Amino acid sequence: MIKKGSNVKVLVGKDKNKTGEIIELDRKRNRAKIKGINMIKKHLKTTKERKGGIVDKENFVHLSNLKLDEKKEKKKVAKK
């Protein structure tokens, strides 16, 4: 089951075969944000609290384009 904190592998798109950790899930739209994957440039206006400019940030990826990365999840089982 895919949940926040899980490691996933991207199957299609510009970031194909890359892996990353899920940082946000949108179950209603079946999408997830993955750390360092599907980066976009966002133009921000200057306000009193923050400086404006062009910022790189992650965008959502559809869950059908992801596969649970089981390398990190599996544990070795000792044979008798």
Protein backbone atom coordinates (compact mmCIF):
# COMPACT_ATOMS: atom_id res chain seq x y z
CA MET A 1 0.00 0.00 0.00
CA ILE A 2 1.30 3.42 -0.94
CA LYS A 3 1.37 5.89 1.94
CA LYS A 4 3.30 8.96 3.05
CA GLY A 5 6.95 8.09 3.64
CA SER A 6 6.94 5.10 1.26
CA ASN A 7 9.67 4.78 -1.35
CA VAL A 8 8.36 4.58 -4.92
CA LYS A 9 9.76 4.23 -8.44
CA VAL A 10 8.46 6.32 -11.36
CA LEU A 11 7.43 4.14 -14.34
CA VAL A 12 6.77 6.73 -17.09
CA GLY A 13 7.52 10.35 -17.98
CA LYS A 14 10.55 12.60 -17.82
CA ASP A 15 11.64 11.15 -14.45
CA LYS A 16 11.35 7.48 -15.52
CA ASN A 17 13.27 4.95 -13.36
CA LYS A 18 13.95 7.52 -10.61
CA THR A 19 13.07 6.69 -7.02
CA GLY A 20 11.99 8.92 -4.16
CA GLU A 21 10.01 9.25 -0.96
CA ILE A 22 6.36 10.34 -0.95
CA ILE A 23 5.97 13.68 0.84
CA GLU A 24 2.26 14.32 0.17
CA LEU A 25 -0.76 12.28 -0.99
CA ASP A 26 -4.00 13.42 -2.61
CA ARG A 27 -6.26 10.36 -2.34
CA LYS A 28 -9.26 12.19 -3.84
CA ARG A 29 -7.42 12.79 -7.13
CA ASN A 30 -5.11 9.71 -6.87
CA ARG A 31 -1.92 11.77 -6.95
CA ALA A 32 1.28 11.96 -4.93
CA LYS A 33 4.20 14.37 -4.50
CA ILE A 34 7.62 12.72 -4.46
CA LYS A 35 10.77 14.34 -3.12
CA GLY A 36 12.90 15.59 -6.05
CA ILE A 37 10.59 14.23 -8.80
CA ASN A 38 8.54 16.21 -11.38
CA MET A 39 10.14 19.55 -10.49
CA ILE A 40 8.46 22.72 -11.80
CA LYS A 41 9.36 26.40 -11.67
CA LYS A 42 6.90 28.58 -9.76
CA HIS A 43 6.95 32.38 -10.02
CA LEU A 44 6.26 33.96 -6.62
CA LYS A 45 5.36 37.56 -5.93
CA THR A 46 7.23 39.40 -3.16
CA THR A 47 5.26 39.84 0.07
CA LYS A 48 6.09 41.10 3.55
CA GLU A 49 6.77 37.55 4.77
CA ARG A 50 8.83 36.17 1.86
CA LYS A 51 11.08 37.17 -0.97
CA GLY A 52 9.72 36.71 -4.49
CA GLY A 53 11.35 35.12 -7.50
CA ILE A 54 11.43 31.82 -9.33
CA VAL A 55 11.29 28.76 -7.06
CA ASP A 56 11.71 25.06 -7.92
CA LYS A 57 9.14 22.79 -6.30
CA GLU A 58 7.68 19.30 -6.69
CA ASN A 59 4.43 18.73 -8.56
CA PHE A 60 1.97 15.85 -8.30
CA VAL A 61 2.34 12.53 -10.17
CA HIS A 62 -0.58 10.15 -10.78
CA LEU A 63 -0.47 6.97 -8.69
CA SER A 64 -0.84 4.78 -11.80
CA ASN A 65 2.62 5.98 -12.88
CA LEU A 66 4.24 4.80 -9.63
CA LYS A 67 5.41 1.46 -8.31
CA LEU A 68 6.20 0.67 -4.70
CA ASP A 69 9.99 0.29 -4.40
CA GLU A 70 10.34 -2.94 -2.44
CA LYS A 71 14.14 -2.94 -2.19
CA LYS A 72 13.92 -0.72 0.88
CA GLU A 73 10.81 -2.45 2.26
CA LYS A 74 11.95 -6.10 2.13
CA LYS A 75 13.66 -7.72 5.06
CA LYS A 76 15.91 -10.75 4.73
CA VAL A 77 14.39 -13.97 6.01
CA ALA A 78 16.75 -16.58 7.46
CA LYS A 79 16.31 -20.11 6.07
CA LYS A 80 16.43 -23.12 8.38
